[in-house]
C-alpha atoms as a PDB file:
ATOM      1  CA  MET A   1      39.840 115.342 136.638  1.00  0.00           C
ATOM      2  CA  ARG A   2      40.005 113.272 133.469  1.00  0.00           C
ATOM      3  CA  LYS A   3      41.318 116.287 131.523  1.00  0.00           C
ATOM      4  CA  VAL A   4      44.101 116.814 134.067  1.00  0.00           C
ATOM      5  CA  PHE A   5      45.037 113.116 133.941  1.00  0.00           C
ATOM      6  CA  LEU A   6      45.027 113.114 130.137  1.00  0.00           C
ATOM      7  CA  LEU A   7      47.168 116.257 129.961  1.00  0.00           C
ATOM      8  CA  THR A   8      49.677 114.779 132.423  1.00  0.00           C
ATOM      9  CA  PHE A   9      49.822 111.554 130.436  1.00  0.00           C
ATOM     10  CA  LEU A  10      50.525 113.417 127.166  1.00  0.00           C
ATOM     11  CA  VAL A  11      53.292 115.452 128.779  1.00  0.00           C
ATOM     12  CA  LEU A  12      54.951 112.294 130.128  1.00  0.00           C
ATOM     13  CA  VAL A  13      54.725 110.563 126.731  1.00  0.00           C
ATOM     14  CA  SER A  14      56.235 113.618 125.032  1.00  0.00           C
ATOM     15  CA  LEU A  15      59.128 113.769 127.479  1.00  0.00           C
ATOM     16  CA  SER A  16      59.698 110.030 127.100  1.00  0.00           C
ATOM     17  CA  MET A  17      59.819 110.316 123.298  1.00  0.00           C
ATOM     18  CA  GLN A  18      62.292 113.191 123.489  1.00  0.00           C
ATOM     19  CA  ALA A  19      64.478 111.217 125.867  1.00  0.00           C
ATOM     20  CA  ARG A  20      64.383 108.198 123.562  1.00  0.00           C
ATOM     21  CA  ALA A  21      65.236 110.362 120.563  1.00  0.00           C
ATOM     22  CA  GLY A  22      68.226 111.828 122.400  1.00  0.00           C
ATOM     23  CA  TRP A  23      69.391 108.373 123.438  1.00  0.00           C
ATOM     24  CA  PHE A  24      69.052 107.095 119.867  1.00  0.00           C
ATOM     25  CA  GLU A  25      71.028 110.046 118.493  1.00  0.00           C
ATOM     26  CA  ASP A  26      73.837 109.427 121.003  1.00  0.00           C
ATOM     27  CA  VAL A  27      74.022 105.769 119.998  1.00  0.00           C
ATOM     28  CA  MET A  28      74.114 106.646 116.310  1.00  0.00           C
ATOM     29  CA  LYS A  29      76.920 109.139 116.884  1.00  0.00           C
ATOM     30  CA  GLN A  30      78.938 106.587 118.816  1.00  0.00           C
ATOM     31  CA  ALA A  31      78.457 104.148 115.953  1.00  0.00           C
ATOM     32  CA  GLY A  32      79.787 106.735 113.495  1.00  0.00           C
ATOM     33  CA  MET A  33      76.416 107.382 111.832  1.00  0.00           C
ATOM     34  CA  SER A  34      75.046 110.707 110.656  1.00  0.00           C
ATOM     35  CA  LEU A  35      71.365 111.477 111.144  1.00  0.00           C
ATOM     36  CA  ASN A  36      71.255 114.159 108.458  1.00  0.00           C
ATOM     37  CA  GLY A  37      71.288 112.333 105.168  1.00  0.00           C
ATOM     38  CA  GLY A  38      71.513 108.701 106.270  1.00  0.00           C
ATOM     39  CA  ALA A  39      74.382 106.552 107.464  1.00  0.00           C
ATOM     40  CA  GLY A  40      77.954 107.722 106.995  1.00  0.00           C
ATOM     41  CA  PRO A  41      81.260 107.698 108.864  1.00  0.00           C
ATOM     42  CA  ASP A  42      82.020 110.657 111.103  1.00  0.00           C
ATOM     43  CA  ASP A  43      85.353 112.478 111.261  1.00  0.00           C
ATOM     44  CA  ASN A  44      86.869 110.176 113.863  1.00  0.00           C
ATOM     45  CA  THR A  45      85.855 107.084 111.921  1.00  0.00           C
ATOM     46  CA  ILE A  46      87.181 108.517 108.655  1.00  0.00           C
ATOM     47  CA  ALA A  47      90.527 109.365 110.245  1.00  0.00           C
ATOM     48  CA  ALA A  48      90.813 105.942 111.881  1.00  0.00           C
ATOM     49  CA  GLY A  49      89.911 104.207 108.632  1.00  0.00           C
ATOM     50  CA  LEU A  50      92.430 106.193 106.642  1.00  0.00           C
ATOM     51  CA  ARG A  51      95.176 105.521 109.167  1.00  0.00           C
ATOM     52  CA  GLN A  52      94.387 101.830 109.000  1.00  0.00           C
ATOM     53  CA  ALA A  53      94.351 101.878 105.192  1.00  0.00           C
ATOM     54  CA  LEU A  54      97.715 103.656 105.070  1.00  0.00           C
ATOM     55  CA  SER A  55      99.182 101.246 107.605  1.00  0.00           C
ATOM     56  CA  ILE A  56      98.007  98.153 105.731  1.00  0.00           C
ATOM     57  CA  GLY A  57      98.991  99.552 102.346  1.00  0.00           C
ATOM     58  CA  ALA A  58     102.440 100.579 103.563  1.00  0.00           C
ATOM     59  CA  LYS A  59     103.100  97.216 105.160  1.00  0.00           C
ATOM     60  CA  ASN A  60     102.004  95.312 102.052  1.00  0.00           C
ATOM     61  CA  ALA A  61     104.066  97.514  99.742  1.00  0.00           C
ATOM     62  CA  VAL A  62     107.218  97.319 101.850  1.00  0.00           C
ATOM     63  CA  THR A  63     106.830  93.561 102.335  1.00  0.00           C
ATOM     64  CA  GLY A  64     106.385  93.097  98.612  1.00  0.00           C
ATOM     65  CA  VAL A  65     109.452  95.013  97.477  1.00  0.00           C
ATOM     66  CA  SER A  66     111.756  93.848 100.268  1.00  0.00           C
ATOM     67  CA  ARG A  67     111.460  90.136  99.512  1.00  0.00           C
ATOM     68  CA  LYS A  68     113.962  88.498  97.162  1.00  0.00           C
ATOM     69  CA  ASP A  69     113.238  89.635  93.587  1.00  0.00           C
ATOM     70  CA  GLY A  70     110.761  92.181  94.933  1.00  0.00           C
ATOM     71  CA  TYR A  71     112.340  94.742  92.631  1.00  0.00           C
ATOM     72  CA  PHE A  72     114.290  92.563  90.228  1.00  0.00           C
ATOM     73  CA  ALA A  73     111.375  90.370  89.077  1.00  0.00           C
ATOM     74  CA  ASN A  74     108.810  93.186  88.970  1.00  0.00           C
ATOM     75  CA  LEU A  75     109.030  94.760  85.524  1.00  0.00           C
ATOM     76  CA  GLU A  76     107.145  97.853  86.724  1.00  0.00           C
ATOM     77  CA  ILE A  77     109.783  98.815  89.301  1.00  0.00           C
ATOM     78  CA  LYS A  78     112.926  96.898  88.302  1.00  0.00           C
ATOM     79  CA  ILE A  79     115.968  99.163  88.532  1.00  0.00           C
ATOM     80  CA  LEU A  80     117.548  99.229  85.096  1.00  0.00           C
ATOM     81  CA  MET A  81     120.902 100.385  83.841  1.00  0.00           C
ATOM     82  CA  PRO A  82     121.222 104.157  84.352  1.00  0.00           C
ATOM     83  CA  GLU A  83     120.578 105.961  81.101  1.00  0.00           C
ATOM     84  CA  LYS A  84     123.800 107.913  81.545  1.00  0.00           C
ATOM     85  CA  ILE A  85     125.898 104.746  81.266  1.00  0.00           C
ATOM     86  CA  GLN A  86     123.652 102.706  78.985  1.00  0.00           C
ATOM     87  CA  LYS A  87     126.211 103.178  76.224  1.00  0.00           C
ATOM     88  CA  VAL A  88     128.827 101.639  78.535  1.00  0.00           C
ATOM     89  CA  ALA A  89     126.611  98.596  79.044  1.00  0.00           C
ATOM     90  CA  ASP A  90     125.907  98.252  75.332  1.00  0.00           C
ATOM     91  CA  VAL A  91     129.601  98.373  74.425  1.00  0.00           C
ATOM     92  CA  LEU A  92     130.632  95.932  77.159  1.00  0.00           C
ATOM     93  CA  GLY A  93     127.854  93.508  76.249  1.00  0.00           C
ATOM     94  CA  TYR A  94     128.913  93.631  72.616  1.00  0.00           C
ATOM     95  CA  ILE A  95     132.539  92.733  73.404  1.00  0.00           C
ATOM     96  CA  GLY A  96     131.708  89.845  75.736  1.00  0.00           C
ATOM     97  CA  PHE A  97     131.067  91.327  79.170  1.00  0.00           C
ATOM     98  CA  GLN A  98     127.283  90.887  79.289  1.00  0.00           C
ATOM     99  CA  LYS A  99     127.490  88.836  82.495  1.00  0.00           C
ATOM    100  CA  GLN A 100     129.193  91.717  84.306  1.00  0.00           C
ATOM    101  CA  VAL A 101     126.474  94.056  83.052  1.00  0.00           C
ATOM    102  CA  ASP A 102     123.729  91.681  84.219  1.00  0.00           C
ATOM    103  CA  ASP A 103     125.401  91.232  87.610  1.00  0.00           C
ATOM    104  CA  PHE A 104     125.530  94.986  88.023  1.00  0.00           C
ATOM    105  CA  VAL A 105     121.803  95.368  87.331  1.00  0.00           C
ATOM    106  CA  LEU A 106     120.996  92.520  89.708  1.00  0.00           C
ATOM    107  CA  SER A 107     123.129  94.019  92.471  1.00  0.00           C
ATOM    108  CA  MET A 108     121.332  97.382  92.253  1.00  0.00           C
ATOM    109  CA  ASN A 109     117.994  95.651  92.726  1.00  0.00           C
ATOM    110  CA  ARG A 110     119.299  93.540  95.588  1.00  0.00           C
ATOM    111  CA  ALA A 111     120.446  96.702  97.354  1.00  0.00           C
ATOM    112  CA  ALA A 112     116.996  98.252  96.986  1.00  0.00           C
ATOM    113  CA  GLU A 113     115.338  95.095  98.303  1.00  0.00           C
ATOM    114  CA  LYS A 114     117.599  95.089 101.333  1.00  0.00           C
ATOM    115  CA  ALA A 115     117.009  98.758 102.171  1.00  0.00           C
ATOM    116  CA  ALA A 116     113.217  98.814 101.698  1.00  0.00           C
ATOM    117  CA  PRO A 117     112.184  97.646 105.217  1.00  0.00           C
ATOM    118  CA  GLU A 118     113.688 100.832 106.668  1.00  0.00           C
ATOM    119  CA  ALA A 119     110.699 102.732 105.251  1.00  0.00           C
ATOM    120  CA  LEU A 120     108.150 101.271 107.677  1.00  0.00           C
ATOM    121  CA  PRO A 121     108.940 103.400 110.779  1.00  0.00           C
ATOM    122  CA  ILE A 122     109.045 106.545 108.635  1.00  0.00           C
ATOM    123  CA  PHE A 123     105.663 105.704 107.145  1.00  0.00           C
ATOM    124  CA  ALA A 124     104.349 105.035 110.665  1.00  0.00           C
ATOM    125  CA  ASP A 125     105.363 108.551 111.745  1.00  0.00           C
ATOM    126  CA  ALA A 126     103.541 110.067 108.765  1.00  0.00           C
ATOM    127  CA  ILE A 127     100.398 108.118 109.660  1.00  0.00           C
ATOM    128  CA  LYS A 128     100.487 109.421 113.240  1.00  0.00           C
ATOM    129  CA  GLU A 129     100.787 112.996 111.965  1.00  0.00           C
ATOM    130  CA  MET A 130      97.725 112.765 109.710  1.00  0.00           C
ATOM    131  CA  THR A 131      95.051 115.359 110.527  1.00  0.00           C
ATOM    132  CA  PHE A 132      91.272 115.292 109.941  1.00  0.00           C
ATOM    133  CA  ALA A 133      91.801 117.586 106.960  1.00  0.00           C
ATOM    134  CA  ASP A 134      94.422 115.204 105.541  1.00  0.00           C
ATOM    135  CA  ALA A 135      92.037 112.279 106.047  1.00  0.00           C
ATOM    136  CA  LYS A 136      89.161 113.927 104.201  1.00  0.00           C
ATOM    137  CA  ASN A 137      91.415 115.043 101.359  1.00  0.00           C
ATOM    138  CA  ILE A 138      92.639 111.471 101.007  1.00  0.00           C
ATOM    139  CA  LEU A 139      89.175 109.910 101.254  1.00  0.00           C
ATOM    140  CA  TYR A 140      87.661 112.163  98.612  1.00  0.00           C
ATOM    141  CA  GLY A 141      90.802 112.449  96.483  1.00  0.00           C
ATOM    142  CA  ASP A 142      91.866 110.394  93.498  1.00  0.00           C
ATOM    143  CA  ASP A 143      92.891 106.734  93.554  1.00  0.00           C
ATOM    144  CA  THR A 144      96.398 107.532  94.805  1.00  0.00           C
ATOM    145  CA  ALA A 145      95.678 110.452  97.142  1.00  0.00           C
ATOM    146  CA  ALA A 146      97.074 108.555 100.148  1.00  0.00           C
ATOM    147  CA  THR A 147     100.244 107.693  98.233  1.00  0.00           C
ATOM    148  CA  GLU A 148     100.642 111.340  97.286  1.00  0.00           C
ATOM    149  CA  TYR A 149     100.263 112.232 100.974  1.00  0.00           C
ATOM    150  CA  PHE A 150     103.072 109.798 101.799  1.00  0.00           C
ATOM    151  CA  GLN A 151     105.213 111.301  99.033  1.00  0.00           C
ATOM    152  CA  ARG A 152     104.808 114.805 100.441  1.00  0.00           C
ATOM    153  CA  LYS A 153     105.368 113.781 104.033  1.00  0.00           C
ATOM    154  CA  THR A 154     108.165 111.219 103.697  1.00  0.00           C
ATOM    155  CA  ARG A 155     110.086 111.486 100.406  1.00  0.00           C
ATOM    156  CA  ASP A 156     112.827 113.802 101.664  1.00  0.00           C
ATOM    157  CA  ARG A 157     113.242 111.961 104.944  1.00  0.00           C
ATOM    158  CA  LEU A 158     113.231 108.596 103.199  1.00  0.00           C
ATOM    159  CA  TYR A 159     115.904 109.787 100.799  1.00  0.00           C
ATOM    160  CA  ASN A 160     118.153 111.090 103.576  1.00  0.00           C
ATOM    161  CA  GLU A 161     117.827 107.925 105.627  1.00  0.00           C
ATOM    162  CA  PHE A 162     117.727 105.512 102.689  1.00  0.00           C
ATOM    163  CA  LYS A 163     120.816 106.731 100.894  1.00  0.00           C
ATOM    164  CA  PRO A 164     123.470 105.608 103.398  1.00  0.00           C
ATOM    165  CA  ILE A 165     121.653 102.290 103.797  1.00  0.00           C
ATOM    166  CA  ILE A 166     121.542 101.866 100.024  1.00  0.00           C
ATOM    167  CA  SER A 167     125.248 102.716  99.827  1.00  0.00           C
ATOM    168  CA  ALA A 168     126.183 100.175 102.492  1.00  0.00           C
ATOM    169  CA  SER A 169     123.904  97.575 100.961  1.00  0.00           C
ATOM    170  CA  MET A 170     125.433  98.068  97.528  1.00  0.00           C
ATOM    171  CA  ASP A 171     128.888  97.564  98.998  1.00  0.00           C
ATOM    172  CA  GLN A 172     127.711  94.370 100.689  1.00  0.00           C
ATOM    173  CA  VAL A 173     126.058  92.879  97.608  1.00  0.00           C
ATOM    174  CA  GLY A 174     128.926  93.892  95.323  1.00  0.00           C
ATOM    175  CA  CYS A 175     127.145  96.592  93.357  1.00  0.00           C
ATOM    176  CA  THR A 176     129.873  99.214  93.718  1.00  0.00           C
ATOM    177  CA  ARG A 177     132.552  96.677  92.889  1.00  0.00           C
ATOM    178  CA  SER A 178     130.662  95.550  89.788  1.00  0.00           C
ATOM    179  CA  TYR A 179     130.170  99.162  88.720  1.00  0.00           C
ATOM    180  CA  LYS A 180     133.855 100.011  89.110  1.00  0.00           C
ATOM    181  CA  ILE A 181     134.917  96.917  87.183  1.00  0.00           C
ATOM    182  CA  MET A 182     132.437  97.659  84.422  1.00  0.00           C
ATOM    183  CA  ILE A 183     133.375 101.323  84.089  1.00  0.00           C
ATOM    184  CA  GLY A 184     137.086 100.467  84.342  1.00  0.00           C
ATOM    185  CA  LYS A 185     136.846  98.084  81.416  1.00  0.00           C
ATOM    186  CA  TYR A 186     134.999 100.667  79.374  1.00  0.00           C
ATOM    187  CA  GLU A 187     137.411 103.506  80.159  1.00  0.00           C
ATOM    188  CA  SER A 188     140.404 101.311  79.321  1.00  0.00           C
ATOM    189  CA  MET A 189     139.258 101.091  75.709  1.00  0.00           C
ATOM    190  CA  PRO A 190     140.710 103.592  73.244  1.00  0.00           C
ATOM    191  CA  LEU A 191     138.708 106.796  72.708  1.00  0.00           C
ATOM    192  CA  MET A 192     135.943 105.849  75.130  1.00  0.00           C
ATOM    193  CA  GLY A 193     136.634 108.578  77.697  1.00  0.00           C
ATOM    194  CA  LYS A 194     135.512 108.730  81.314  1.00  0.00           C
ATOM    195  CA  LYS A 195     131.983 108.253  82.667  1.00  0.00           C
ATOM    196  CA  SER A 196     130.792 109.335  86.115  1.00  0.00           C
ATOM    197  CA  LEU A 197     127.573 108.726  87.995  1.00  0.00           C
ATOM    198  CA  ASP A 198     126.362 109.202  91.565  1.00  0.00           C
ATOM    199  CA  LEU A 199     125.317 105.585  91.880  1.00  0.00           C
ATOM    200  CA  ASP A 200     124.004 105.946  95.439  1.00  0.00           C
ATOM    201  CA  ASP A 201     121.705 108.776  94.379  1.00  0.00           C
ATOM    202  CA  TYR A 202     120.462 106.895  91.343  1.00  0.00           C
ATOM    203  CA  VAL A 203     119.630 103.648  93.159  1.00  0.00           C
ATOM    204  CA  THR A 204     118.092 105.466  96.132  1.00  0.00           C
ATOM    205  CA  ASN A 205     115.709 107.466  93.941  1.00  0.00           C
ATOM    206  CA  LYS A 206     114.780 104.432  91.857  1.00  0.00           C
ATOM    207  CA  ALA A 207     114.172 102.392  95.010  1.00  0.00           C
ATOM    208  CA  LEU A 208     111.834 105.091  96.331  1.00  0.00           C
ATOM    209  CA  ASP A 209     110.057 105.416  92.989  1.00  0.00           C
ATOM    210  CA  GLY A 210     109.372 101.697  93.019  1.00  0.00           C
ATOM    211  CA  LEU A 211     108.210 101.703  96.623  1.00  0.00           C
ATOM    212  CA  PHE A 212     105.732 104.528  96.037  1.00  0.00           C
ATOM    213  CA  TYR A 213     104.494 102.851  92.864  1.00  0.00           C
ATOM    214  CA  GLU A 214     103.695  99.683  94.817  1.00  0.00           C
ATOM    215  CA  LEU A 215     102.096 101.735  97.594  1.00  0.00           C
ATOM    216  CA  GLY A 216      99.850 103.324  94.970  1.00  0.00           C
ATOM    217  CA  GLN A 217      98.833  99.886  93.716  1.00  0.00           C
ATOM    218  CA  GLU A 218      97.918  98.815  97.250  1.00  0.00           C
ATOM    219  CA  GLU A 219      95.856 101.967  97.730  1.00  0.00           C
ATOM    220  CA  LYS A 220      93.926 101.370  94.498  1.00  0.00           C
ATOM    221  CA  LYS A 221      93.058  97.856  95.680  1.00  0.00           C
ATOM    222  CA  ILE A 222      91.555  99.145  98.918  1.00  0.00           C
ATOM    223  CA  ARG A 223      89.571 101.813  97.086  1.00  0.00           C
ATOM    224  CA  THR A 224      88.225  99.639  94.272  1.00  0.00           C
ATOM    225  CA  ASP A 225      88.295  96.010  95.422  1.00  0.00           C
ATOM    226  CA  PRO A 226      85.968  95.087  98.318  1.00  0.00           C
ATOM    227  CA  ALA A 227      88.040  91.936  98.934  1.00  0.00           C
ATOM    228  CA  ALA A 228      91.023  94.149  99.829  1.00  0.00           C
ATOM    229  CA  ARG A 229      89.070  95.809 102.660  1.00  0.00           C
ATOM    230  CA  VAL A 230      90.104  93.266 105.229  1.00  0.00           C
ATOM    231  CA  THR A 231      88.649  94.947 108.351  1.00  0.00           C
ATOM    232  CA  ASP A 232      85.204  96.244 109.352  1.00  0.00           C
ATOM    233  CA  LEU A 233      86.627  99.755 109.611  1.00  0.00           C
ATOM    234  CA  LEU A 234      87.921  99.722 106.049  1.00  0.00           C
ATOM    235  CA  ARG A 235      84.608  98.400 104.792  1.00  0.00           C
ATOM    236  CA  MET A 236      82.742 101.169 106.636  1.00  0.00           C
ATOM    237  CA  VAL A 237      84.941 104.004 105.357  1.00  0.00           C
ATOM    238  CA  PHE A 238      85.621 102.874 101.792  1.00  0.00           C
ATOM    239  CA  GLY A 239      82.347 101.110 101.184  1.00  0.00           C
ATOM    240  CA  LYS A 240      80.399 104.376 101.072  1.00  0.00           C
END
């Protein structure tokens, strides 16, 4: 009788332990932990963390460049005189038209600052389209893997939607007018000849270059600086 009781007791204990182990495994999975090799975020957690990182980085980058002097006062992304007409600027500055040259440079940067907020909804679409494979490639990629993802997914669309906004903005801030006055003065001089430039294309591409540069800087902060991981999810994904 004792043997039967003991055997029954052992069976019940074994079943209880198995049930507890299954319960514990379920809890760990829900918490995003892996039982094979210690704690680590699962696919869903990785994807959510990457989407959050891209969202925060994009917002910070766009906010930074769209404020007054966001481009103009940032030497890393300031839009300078196009190389094609640098000679024009040099000649005009030499003969007393440096203010017009400076106003032209300022107006290009003001146009970029005004157009930059339009990038946010396009970035948001790219974040929604991110797959698990994209997320893992970004997580285990280099310091700007997320920025490179944005470049691939949004550059063409940003250009197509940015360019008319840039053009309108340049008209509003006087960039086109300044350019025409500057080029007109240059071409009126003997032997100088005519200069042409697709100004909308130039400013649009430079504005995008600057935006992606700042996005890359934001991404590096999240990857390397624990203080930049401002949510529990970011700390879980990027702290490993």
